[in-house]
Every structure is written in structure tokens, then in C-alpha cells.
Amino acid sequence: LGETANVAGGGAKGLSDRFVSGFLWLNKLGLAAQHG
């Protein structure tokens, strides 16, 4: 799974670089692993 991010276009100021983005990031890592 390549070139992933939490928000397209450079991210969301004040959100993409905070702990809340971890929900999307960990969901992505978990789903990617489940899908092989």
C-alpha cells in the first residue's frame, strides 16, 4: 500500500500531525495487515 496519508493534498493543518490522526493511521496499518 503506497503513498498513503491521512488527508490528501498535504494534510490538514493542526490535525494530521496530532494524536487524532493515529485513528486513521492505526486503522490503515491494521486493515492492510488483515488484507495481507
PDB file of all heavy atoms in Angstrom:
ATOM      1  N   LEU A   1       0.872  -1.161   0.000  1.00  0.00           N
ATOM      2  CA  LEU A   1       0.000   0.000   0.000  1.00  0.00           C
ATOM      3  C   LEU A   1       0.911   1.213   0.000  1.00  0.00           C
ATOM      4  O   LEU A   1       1.636   1.452   0.957  1.00  0.00           O
ATOM      5  CB  LEU A   1      -0.893  -0.029   1.245  1.00  0.00           C
ATOM      6  CG  LEU A   1      -1.988   1.003   1.368  1.00  0.00           C
ATOM      7  CD1 LEU A   1      -2.931   0.955   0.180  1.00  0.00           C
ATOM      8  CD2 LEU A   1      -2.763   0.772   2.655  1.00  0.00           C
ATOM      9  N   GLY A   2       0.922   1.943  -1.106  1.00  0.00           N
ATOM     10  CA  GLY A   2       1.901   3.003  -1.269  1.00  0.00           C
ATOM     11  C   GLY A   2       1.314   4.395  -1.233  1.00  0.00           C
ATOM     12  O   GLY A   2       0.141   4.611  -1.489  1.00  0.00           O
ATOM     13  N   GLU A   3       2.176   5.326  -0.901  1.00  0.00           N
ATOM     14  CA  GLU A   3       1.861   6.751  -0.873  1.00  0.00           C
ATOM     15  C   GLU A   3       0.586   7.045  -0.114  1.00  0.00           C
ATOM     16  O   GLU A   3      -0.329   7.686  -0.596  1.00  0.00           O
ATOM     17  CB  GLU A   3       1.793   7.314  -2.287  1.00  0.00           C
ATOM     18  CG  GLU A   3       3.127   7.301  -2.977  1.00  0.00           C
ATOM     19  CD  GLU A   3       3.186   8.186  -4.209  1.00  0.00           C
ATOM     20  OE1 GLU A   3       2.253   8.977  -4.437  1.00  0.00           O
ATOM     21  OE2 GLU A   3       4.170   8.081  -4.931  1.00  0.00           O
ATOM     22  N   THR A   4       0.535   6.584   1.122  1.00  0.00           N
ATOM     23  CA  THR A   4      -0.649   6.807   1.937  1.00  0.00           C
ATOM     24  C   THR A   4      -0.479   8.044   2.813  1.00  0.00           C
ATOM     25  O   THR A   4       0.623   8.464   3.116  1.00  0.00           O
ATOM     26  CB  THR A   4      -0.918   5.593   2.844  1.00  0.00           C
ATOM     27  OG1 THR A   4       0.155   5.466   3.781  1.00  0.00           O
ATOM     28  CG2 THR A   4      -1.052   4.323   2.043  1.00  0.00           C
ATOM     29  N   ALA A   5      -1.586   8.600   3.204  1.00  0.00           N
ATOM     30  CA  ALA A   5      -1.601   9.747   4.114  1.00  0.00           C
ATOM     31  C   ALA A   5      -2.959   9.758   4.791  1.00  0.00           C
ATOM     32  O   ALA A   5      -3.842   8.975   4.440  1.00  0.00           O
ATOM     33  CB  ALA A   5      -1.369  11.039   3.341  1.00  0.00           C
ATOM     34  N   ASN A   6      -3.157  10.640   5.750  1.00  0.00           N
ATOM     35  CA  ASN A   6      -4.455  10.688   6.414  1.00  0.00           C
ATOM     36  C   ASN A   6      -5.423  11.666   5.748  1.00  0.00           C
ATOM     37  O   ASN A   6      -6.615  11.526   5.883  1.00  0.00           O
ATOM     38  CB  ASN A   6      -4.302  10.976   7.904  1.00  0.00           C
ATOM     39  CG  ASN A   6      -3.419  12.157   8.190  1.00  0.00           C
ATOM     40  OD1 ASN A   6      -3.411  13.119   7.437  1.00  0.00           O
ATOM     41  ND2 ASN A   6      -2.677  12.095   9.276  1.00  0.00           N
ATOM     42  N   VAL A   7      -4.914  12.650   5.044  1.00  0.00           N
ATOM     43  CA  VAL A   7      -5.738  13.603   4.299  1.00  0.00           C
ATOM     44  C   VAL A   7      -4.971  13.960   3.034  1.00  0.00           C
ATOM     45  O   VAL A   7      -3.780  14.253   3.089  1.00  0.00           O
ATOM     46  CB  VAL A   7      -6.020  14.882   5.123  1.00  0.00           C
ATOM     47  CG1 VAL A   7      -6.781  15.904   4.297  1.00  0.00           C
ATOM     48  CG2 VAL A   7      -6.795  14.556   6.392  1.00  0.00           C
ATOM     49  N   ALA A   8      -5.649  13.946   1.900  1.00  0.00           N
ATOM     50  CA  ALA A   8      -4.997  14.256   0.629  1.00  0.00           C
ATOM     51  C   ALA A   8      -4.548  15.713   0.574  1.00  0.00           C
ATOM     52  O   ALA A   8      -5.016  16.561   1.327  1.00  0.00           O
ATOM     53  CB  ALA A   8      -5.959  13.966  -0.526  1.00  0.00           C
ATOM     54  N   GLY A   9      -3.622  15.967  -0.309  1.00  0.00           N
ATOM     55  CA  GLY A   9      -3.218  17.333  -0.591  1.00  0.00           C
ATOM     56  C   GLY A   9      -2.311  17.971   0.441  1.00  0.00           C
ATOM     57  O   GLY A   9      -2.306  19.175   0.595  1.00  0.00           O
ATOM     58  N   GLY A  10      -1.580  17.172   1.164  1.00  0.00           N
ATOM     59  CA  GLY A  10      -0.644  17.723   2.134  1.00  0.00           C
ATOM     60  C   GLY A  10      -1.086  17.617   3.574  1.00  0.00           C
ATOM     61  O   GLY A  10      -0.337  17.912   4.486  1.00  0.00           O
ATOM     62  N   GLY A  11      -2.330  17.189   3.800  1.00  0.00           N
ATOM     63  CA  GLY A  11      -2.809  17.009   5.162  1.00  0.00           C
ATOM     64  C   GLY A  11      -3.633  18.171   5.662  1.00  0.00           C
ATOM     65  O   GLY A  11      -3.810  19.175   4.983  1.00  0.00           O
ATOM     66  N   ALA A  12      -4.145  18.016   6.858  1.00  0.00           N
ATOM     67  CA  ALA A  12      -4.988  19.028   7.489  1.00  0.00           C
ATOM     68  C   ALA A  12      -4.209  19.697   8.612  1.00  0.00           C
ATOM     69  O   ALA A  12      -3.800  19.045   9.564  1.00  0.00           O
ATOM     70  CB  ALA A  12      -6.260  18.393   8.028  1.00  0.00           C
ATOM     71  N   LYS A  13      -4.000  20.978   8.485  1.00  0.00           N
ATOM     72  CA  LYS A  13      -3.226  21.735   9.476  1.00  0.00           C
ATOM     73  C   LYS A  13      -3.852  21.589  10.862  1.00  0.00           C
ATOM     74  O   LYS A  13      -5.046  21.752  11.034  1.00  0.00           O
ATOM     75  CB  LYS A  13      -3.159  23.201   9.068  1.00  0.00           C
ATOM     76  CG  LYS A  13      -2.200  24.024   9.912  1.00  0.00           C
ATOM     77  CD  LYS A  13      -1.937  25.348   9.260  1.00  0.00           C
ATOM     78  CE  LYS A  13      -0.927  26.178   9.991  1.00  0.00           C
ATOM     79  NZ  LYS A  13       0.394  25.615  10.072  1.00  0.00           N
ATOM     80  N   GLY A  14      -3.024  21.257  11.826  1.00  0.00           N
ATOM     81  CA  GLY A  14      -3.478  21.112  13.195  1.00  0.00           C
ATOM     82  C   GLY A  14      -4.198  19.813  13.500  1.00  0.00           C
ATOM     83  O   GLY A  14      -4.638  19.603  14.619  1.00  0.00           O
ATOM     84  N   LEU A  15      -4.336  18.922  12.511  1.00  0.00           N
ATOM     85  CA  LEU A  15      -4.992  17.635  12.724  1.00  0.00           C
ATOM     86  C   LEU A  15      -4.109  16.473  12.277  1.00  0.00           C
ATOM     87  O   LEU A  15      -3.932  15.507  13.006  1.00  0.00           O
ATOM     88  CB  LEU A  15      -6.325  17.569  11.973  1.00  0.00           C
ATOM     89  CG  LEU A  15      -7.418  18.511  12.453  1.00  0.00           C
ATOM     90  CD1 LEU A  15      -8.589  18.518  11.487  1.00  0.00           C
ATOM     91  CD2 LEU A  15      -7.871  18.135  13.853  1.00  0.00           C
ATOM     92  N   SER A  16      -3.557  16.570  11.077  1.00  0.00           N
ATOM     93  CA  SER A  16      -2.768  15.470  10.511  1.00  0.00           C
ATOM     94  C   SER A  16      -1.495  15.188  11.284  1.00  0.00           C
ATOM     95  O   SER A  16      -0.948  14.090  11.204  1.00  0.00           O
ATOM     96  CB  SER A  16      -2.406  15.764   9.053  1.00  0.00           C
ATOM     97  OG  SER A  16      -3.559  15.773   8.260  1.00  0.00           O
ATOM     98  N   ASP A  17      -1.030  16.162  12.022  1.00  0.00           N
ATOM     99  CA  ASP A  17       0.210  15.988  12.780  1.00  0.00           C
ATOM    100  C   ASP A  17      -0.045  15.866  14.284  1.00  0.00           C
ATOM    101  O   ASP A  17       0.831  16.095  15.099  1.00  0.00           O
ATOM    102  CB  ASP A  17       1.163  17.153  12.500  1.00  0.00           C
ATOM    103  CG  ASP A  17       0.570  18.508  12.869  1.00  0.00           C
ATOM    104  OD1 ASP A  17      -0.648  18.579  13.134  1.00  0.00           O
ATOM    105  OD2 ASP A  17       1.324  19.484  12.902  1.00  0.00           O
ATOM    106  N   ARG A  18      -1.260  15.480  14.645  1.00  0.00           N
ATOM    107  CA  ARG A  18      -1.644  15.347  16.056  1.00  0.00           C
ATOM    108  C   ARG A  18      -2.035  13.899  16.358  1.00  0.00           C
ATOM    109  O   ARG A  18      -2.170  13.072  15.470  1.00  0.00           O
ATOM    110  CB  ARG A  18      -2.834  16.263  16.377  1.00  0.00           C
ATOM    111  CG  ARG A  18      -2.567  17.734  16.118  1.00  0.00           C
ATOM    112  CD  ARG A  18      -1.552  18.278  17.124  1.00  0.00           C
ATOM    113  NE  ARG A  18      -1.413  19.719  17.015  1.00  0.00           N
ATOM    114  CZ  ARG A  18      -0.364  20.316  16.450  1.00  0.00           C
ATOM    115  NH1 ARG A  18       0.606  19.617  15.938  1.00  0.00           N
ATOM    116  NH2 ARG A  18      -0.300  21.631  16.396  1.00  0.00           N
ATOM    117  N   PHE A  19      -2.268  13.619  17.633  1.00  0.00           N
ATOM    118  CA  PHE A  19      -2.603  12.256  18.040  1.00  0.00           C
ATOM    119  C   PHE A  19      -3.885  11.742  17.404  1.00  0.00           C
ATOM    120  O   PHE A  19      -4.031  10.548  17.180  1.00  0.00           O
ATOM    121  CB  PHE A  19      -2.694  12.158  19.565  1.00  0.00           C
ATOM    122  CG  PHE A  19      -1.350  12.077  20.220  1.00  0.00           C
ATOM    123  CD1 PHE A  19      -0.809  13.190  20.839  1.00  0.00           C
ATOM    124  CD2 PHE A  19      -0.614  10.905  20.202  1.00  0.00           C
ATOM    125  CE1 PHE A  19       0.445  13.135  21.432  1.00  0.00           C
ATOM    126  CE2 PHE A  19       0.634  10.835  20.789  1.00  0.00           C
ATOM    127  CZ  PHE A  19       1.168  11.958  21.407  1.00  0.00           C
ATOM    128  N   VAL A  20      -4.822  12.616  17.091  1.00  0.00           N
ATOM    129  CA  VAL A  20      -6.078  12.175  16.495  1.00  0.00           C
ATOM    130  C   VAL A  20      -5.842  11.469  15.162  1.00  0.00           C
ATOM    131  O   VAL A  20      -6.592  10.578  14.785  1.00  0.00           O
ATOM    132  CB  VAL A  20      -7.086  13.346  16.350  1.00  0.00           C
ATOM    133  CG1 VAL A  20      -6.651  14.318  15.258  1.00  0.00           C
ATOM    134  CG2 VAL A  20      -8.483  12.816  16.091  1.00  0.00           C
ATOM    135  N   SER A  21      -4.793  11.823  14.449  1.00  0.00           N
ATOM    136  CA  SER A  21      -4.524  11.161  13.167  1.00  0.00           C
ATOM    137  C   SER A  21      -4.160   9.695  13.358  1.00  0.00           C
ATOM    138  O   SER A  21      -4.229   8.902  12.429  1.00  0.00           O
ATOM    139  CB  SER A  21      -3.420  11.888  12.400  1.00  0.00           C
ATOM    140  OG  SER A  21      -2.178  11.717  13.047  1.00  0.00           O
ATOM    141  N   GLY A  22      -3.812   9.332  14.580  1.00  0.00           N
ATOM    142  CA  GLY A  22      -3.499   7.937  14.879  1.00  0.00           C
ATOM    143  C   GLY A  22      -4.664   6.993  14.638  1.00  0.00           C
ATOM    144  O   GLY A  22      -4.460   5.818  14.318  1.00  0.00           O
ATOM    145  N   PHE A  23      -5.895   7.482  14.782  1.00  0.00           N
ATOM    146  CA  PHE A  23      -7.047   6.621  14.494  1.00  0.00           C
ATOM    147  C   PHE A  23      -7.005   6.148  13.044  1.00  0.00           C
ATOM    148  O   PHE A  23      -7.209   4.969  12.754  1.00  0.00           O
ATOM    149  CB  PHE A  23      -8.368   7.352  14.765  1.00  0.00           C
ATOM    150  CG  PHE A  23      -8.650   7.576  16.216  1.00  0.00           C
ATOM    151  CD1 PHE A  23      -8.593   8.851  16.748  1.00  0.00           C
ATOM    152  CD2 PHE A  23      -8.976   6.529  17.055  1.00  0.00           C
ATOM    153  CE1 PHE A  23      -8.855   9.081  18.091  1.00  0.00           C
ATOM    154  CE2 PHE A  23      -9.238   6.734  18.400  1.00  0.00           C
ATOM    155  CZ  PHE A  23      -9.173   8.027  18.920  1.00  0.00           C
ATOM    156  N   LEU A  24      -6.748   7.065  12.118  1.00  0.00           N
ATOM    157  CA  LEU A  24      -6.660   6.695  10.702  1.00  0.00           C
ATOM    158  C   LEU A  24      -5.424   5.853  10.420  1.00  0.00           C
ATOM    159  O   LEU A  24      -5.471   4.887   9.668  1.00  0.00           O
ATOM    160  CB  LEU A  24      -6.640   7.952   9.826  1.00  0.00           C
ATOM    161  CG  LEU A  24      -7.950   8.719   9.718  1.00  0.00           C
ATOM    162  CD1 LEU A  24      -7.728  10.064   9.047  1.00  0.00           C
ATOM    163  CD2 LEU A  24      -8.974   7.919   8.964  1.00  0.00           C
ATOM    164  N   TRP A  25      -4.289   6.218  11.003  1.00  0.00           N
ATOM    165  CA  TRP A  25      -3.027   5.534  10.743  1.00  0.00           C
ATOM    166  C   TRP A  25      -3.061   4.094  11.260  1.00  0.00           C
ATOM    167  O   TRP A  25      -2.697   3.154  10.551  1.00  0.00           O
ATOM    168  CB  TRP A  25      -1.897   6.334  11.366  1.00  0.00           C
ATOM    169  CG  TRP A  25      -0.508   5.837  11.140  1.00  0.00           C
ATOM    170  CD1 TRP A  25       0.446   5.695  12.103  1.00  0.00           C
ATOM    171  CD2 TRP A  25       0.128   5.460   9.916  1.00  0.00           C
ATOM    172  NE1 TRP A  25       1.621   5.245  11.546  1.00  0.00           N
ATOM    173  CE2 TRP A  25       1.448   5.085  10.196  1.00  0.00           C
ATOM    174  CE3 TRP A  25      -0.316   5.375   8.591  1.00  0.00           C
ATOM    175  CZ2 TRP A  25       2.344   4.642   9.230  1.00  0.00           C
ATOM    176  CZ3 TRP A  25       0.581   4.945   7.623  1.00  0.00           C
ATOM    177  CH2 TRP A  25       1.886   4.589   7.943  1.00  0.00           C
ATOM    178  N   LEU A  26      -3.515   3.892  12.496  1.00  0.00           N
ATOM    179  CA  LEU A  26      -3.574   2.529  13.036  1.00  0.00           C
ATOM    180  C   LEU A  26      -4.641   1.694  12.335  1.00  0.00           C
ATOM    181  O   LEU A  26      -4.457   0.495  12.130  1.00  0.00           O
ATOM    182  CB  LEU A  26      -3.806   2.561  14.545  1.00  0.00           C
ATOM    183  CG  LEU A  26      -2.626   3.090  15.353  1.00  0.00           C
ATOM    184  CD1 LEU A  26      -3.003   3.222  16.817  1.00  0.00           C
ATOM    185  CD2 LEU A  26      -1.399   2.210  15.185  1.00  0.00           C
ATOM    186  N   ASN A  27      -5.738   2.321  11.946  1.00  0.00           N
ATOM    187  CA  ASN A  27      -6.752   1.622  11.166  1.00  0.00           C
ATOM    188  C   ASN A  27      -6.155   1.160   9.835  1.00  0.00           C
ATOM    189  O   ASN A  27      -6.371   0.031   9.396  1.00  0.00           O
ATOM    190  CB  ASN A  27      -7.954   2.541  10.923  1.00  0.00           C
ATOM    191  CG  ASN A  27      -9.093   1.857  10.220  1.00  0.00           C
ATOM    192  OD1 ASN A  27      -9.702   0.934  10.737  1.00  0.00           O
ATOM    193  ND2 ASN A  27      -9.392   2.317   9.020  1.00  0.00           N
ATOM    194  N   LYS A  28      -5.372   2.018   9.221  1.00  0.00           N
ATOM    195  CA  LYS A  28      -4.731   1.678   7.942  1.00  0.00           C
ATOM    196  C   LYS A  28      -3.742   0.527   8.108  1.00  0.00           C
ATOM    197  O   LYS A  28      -3.726  -0.415   7.323  1.00  0.00           O
ATOM    198  CB  LYS A  28      -4.009   2.903   7.383  1.00  0.00           C
ATOM    199  CG  LYS A  28      -3.385   2.685   6.031  1.00  0.00           C
ATOM    200  CD  LYS A  28      -2.800   3.979   5.519  1.00  0.00           C
ATOM    201  CE  LYS A  28      -3.937   4.935   5.238  1.00  0.00           C
ATOM    202  NZ  LYS A  28      -3.536   6.221   4.710  1.00  0.00           N
ATOM    203  N   LEU A  29      -2.915   0.589   9.143  1.00  0.00           N
ATOM    204  CA  LEU A  29      -1.949  -0.485   9.375  1.00  0.00           C
ATOM    205  C   LEU A  29      -2.652  -1.807   9.675  1.00  0.00           C
ATOM    206  O   LEU A  29      -2.257  -2.864   9.174  1.00  0.00           O
ATOM    207  CB  LEU A  29      -0.999  -0.108  10.518  1.00  0.00           C
ATOM    208  CG  LEU A  29      -0.055   1.064  10.253  1.00  0.00           C
ATOM    209  CD1 LEU A  29       0.702   1.439  11.527  1.00  0.00           C
ATOM    210  CD2 LEU A  29       0.912   0.746   9.123  1.00  0.00           C
ATOM    211  N   GLY A  30      -3.709  -1.748  10.477  1.00  0.00           N
ATOM    212  CA  GLY A  30      -4.449  -2.963  10.808  1.00  0.00           C
ATOM    213  C   GLY A  30      -5.168  -3.558   9.613  1.00  0.00           C
ATOM    214  O   GLY A  30      -5.107  -4.771   9.379  1.00  0.00           O
ATOM    215  N   LEU A  31      -5.859  -2.730   8.841  1.00  0.00           N
ATOM    216  CA  LEU A  31      -6.568  -3.223   7.655  1.00  0.00           C
ATOM    217  C   LEU A  31      -5.607  -3.778   6.612  1.00  0.00           C
ATOM    218  O   LEU A  31      -5.869  -4.810   6.006  1.00  0.00           O
ATOM    219  CB  LEU A  31      -7.419  -2.113   7.036  1.00  0.00           C
ATOM    220  CG  LEU A  31      -8.725  -1.795   7.741  1.00  0.00           C
ATOM    221  CD1 LEU A  31      -9.386  -0.577   7.107  1.00  0.00           C
ATOM    222  CD2 LEU A  31      -9.660  -2.993   7.707  1.00  0.00           C
ATOM    223  N   ALA A  32      -4.502  -3.077   6.408  1.00  0.00           N
ATOM    224  CA  ALA A  32      -3.521  -3.557   5.435  1.00  0.00           C
ATOM    225  C   ALA A  32      -3.014  -4.945   5.838  1.00  0.00           C
ATOM    226  O   ALA A  32      -2.897  -5.838   5.001  1.00  0.00           O
ATOM    227  CB  ALA A  32      -2.362  -2.572   5.313  1.00  0.00           C
ATOM    228  N   ALA A  33      -2.739  -5.126   7.115  1.00  0.00           N
ATOM    229  CA  ALA A  33      -2.273  -6.434   7.599  1.00  0.00           C
ATOM    230  C   ALA A  33      -3.358  -7.499   7.412  1.00  0.00           C
ATOM    231  O   ALA A  33      -3.076  -8.607   6.948  1.00  0.00           O
ATOM    232  CB  ALA A  33      -1.854  -6.338   9.058  1.00  0.00           C
ATOM    233  N   GLN A  34      -4.596  -7.174   7.740  1.00  0.00           N
ATOM    234  CA  GLN A  34      -5.698  -8.125   7.565  1.00  0.00           C
ATOM    235  C   GLN A  34      -5.854  -8.542   6.109  1.00  0.00           C
ATOM    236  O   GLN A  34      -6.203  -9.674   5.818  1.00  0.00           O
ATOM    237  CB  GLN A  34      -7.018  -7.521   8.039  1.00  0.00           C
ATOM    238  CG  GLN A  34      -7.255  -7.620   9.500  1.00  0.00           C
ATOM    239  CD  GLN A  34      -8.632  -7.081   9.880  1.00  0.00           C
ATOM    240  OE1 GLN A  34      -9.254  -6.303   9.147  1.00  0.00           O
ATOM    241  NE2 GLN A  34      -9.097  -7.486  11.044  1.00  0.00           N
ATOM    242  N   HIS A  35      -5.599  -7.627   5.207  1.00  0.00           N
ATOM    243  CA  HIS A  35      -5.742  -7.905   3.778  1.00  0.00           C
ATOM    244  C   HIS A  35      -4.486  -8.528   3.177  1.00  0.00           C
ATOM    245  O   HIS A  35      -4.426  -8.745   1.975  1.00  0.00           O
ATOM    246  CB  HIS A  35      -6.105  -6.618   3.023  1.00  0.00           C
ATOM    247  CG  HIS A  35      -7.539  -6.238   3.173  1.00  0.00           C
ATOM    248  ND1 HIS A  35      -8.474  -6.434   2.190  1.00  0.00           N
ATOM    249  CD2 HIS A  35      -8.218  -5.677   4.208  1.00  0.00           C
ATOM    250  CE1 HIS A  35      -9.652  -6.010   2.595  1.00  0.00           C
ATOM    251  NE2 HIS A  35      -9.519  -5.542   3.825  1.00  0.00           N
ATOM    252  N   GLY A  36      -3.482  -8.761   3.981  1.00  0.00           N
ATOM    253  CA  GLY A  36      -2.272  -9.416   3.502  1.00  0.00           C
ATOM    254  C   GLY A  36      -1.257  -8.502   2.859  1.00  0.00           C
ATOM    255  O   GLY A  36      -0.340  -8.968   2.179  1.00  0.00           O
TER     256      GLY A  36
END
